[in-house]
Amino acid sequence: MNLAAVDKIGKAVLYEGYMLYPYRPSSVKNQQRWNFGVLSPKSYSEQEKGTEPFVMRTECLVEATSGAELEVRVRFLQLVDRWIGELVSPFRDLQPEETPEIRKVPRIEVGGRVYQPWQEAVEREVILPVCHFAAQDETALSQTFELSSARQLEHLHDGDRRNVGVIVREQNALCGAVEVKTERLSDRSYKVGVWVRNLTPFSSVSADVSREVALLRSLVSTHVVLGIQDGQFCSQLDPPDHLRDAAAGCLNVGAWPVLIGEEGQRDTVLCSPIILYDYPQIAPESAGDLFDGTEIDEILSLRIMTLTDEEKREMSQSDDRARQMLERTESMPVEQLMKMHGVLRQLRPVKEEMQ
């Protein structure tokens, strides 16, 4: 499995839509989060008549011997609810056994810095046992996973070193299941199917807030990475002639399998929630993630530079990733910015049957 290539593209997939220009929590776009690859709790999906999916399904083809080994990794983000509290009675020392009385507030300023609520993210990965292609026509493998709830407090101190506020980070428990099936199509060809399901219990609070609550119990930016030893994956975009009909019969819901790595390598597939070409690459001119959907590095970088001092202050204090992006953009050499201007990507020939 080409993990080096997967990590570069996988990071871009994970954080696509994580934060949108103008990169401030006060922006409406960032208050109403919109992500790719969201798998909601099953009960919430059923409540919403399937408009919010709880399952991702992907299928692709493999040419391999019966001794080949399939590696399966499921990656996603778990959202962390970060809210801000003000201590009702500020004090200088906090004993471990004491639980201070906290009042939730929309923002608090301590030591010249503004703290605001936000949804942070933690990267998660589920690795399945190696799946062996057996001599029989079908094999199946399934695994459940559970993530425990967690709560973390970060105390805020004023100039007199008094505890005056707190950042509370809360993660909900998650549970789900991954199922893998292989089906023999011929002596050396197989169809591989992967299902990822979110089985986290969920009860709606009210119609107004249920989606926001469900998002905190969802798998976000979900994608699957497949690796093969002693075999080769087939392109879904350009399958070999003898497997063209079988490729057309592959069912992909919420995911799209593409080959990853150097052109011609066929040992790794990324099943992405975003439709990509085979062998996607990060633009060499890009100085780093900008998170905004279908990134246009030059114009987004220029827009960041034109933010007001107050907007930059809010951006830098909202999130570590946003702060790093701001620092990187403001320190970008002119030569690096000019590399982004007027770049024309490789043109792809149009096949005769598509003309």
Foldseek 3Di string as FASTA:
>chain_A
DPVVQCVQVVVLLQLQQVAAPVQFCVDPSQVDGDFAPKAFAPVVCVVVVNPRHFKWKFKFKKFFAQFKKKKKKKKFKAKKKKFKWWFPDKFQDDDPVDDTDTDTDQWDDAANAIEGIHIDIDMDMDIDPIDGRHPDFKDKDKDKDKDAKDKDWDFTAHPVNIGTMIIIIIAHMWMWMKMWMWGDPDNGMIMIMIMIGTNDDDDAPDPVCRVVVRSNHITGSIKMKMFMDRIFTAALVDGPPVCVVVSVVIDTDQWDWAAEDPPPGGGMIITGSDDDYHHDDDPPLDPDDPSHHPDLRLVSLVVLVPDDPVSLSSSLNHDVVSVVVSVCSVPPDPVSSVVSPPDDDDDDDDDPVRD
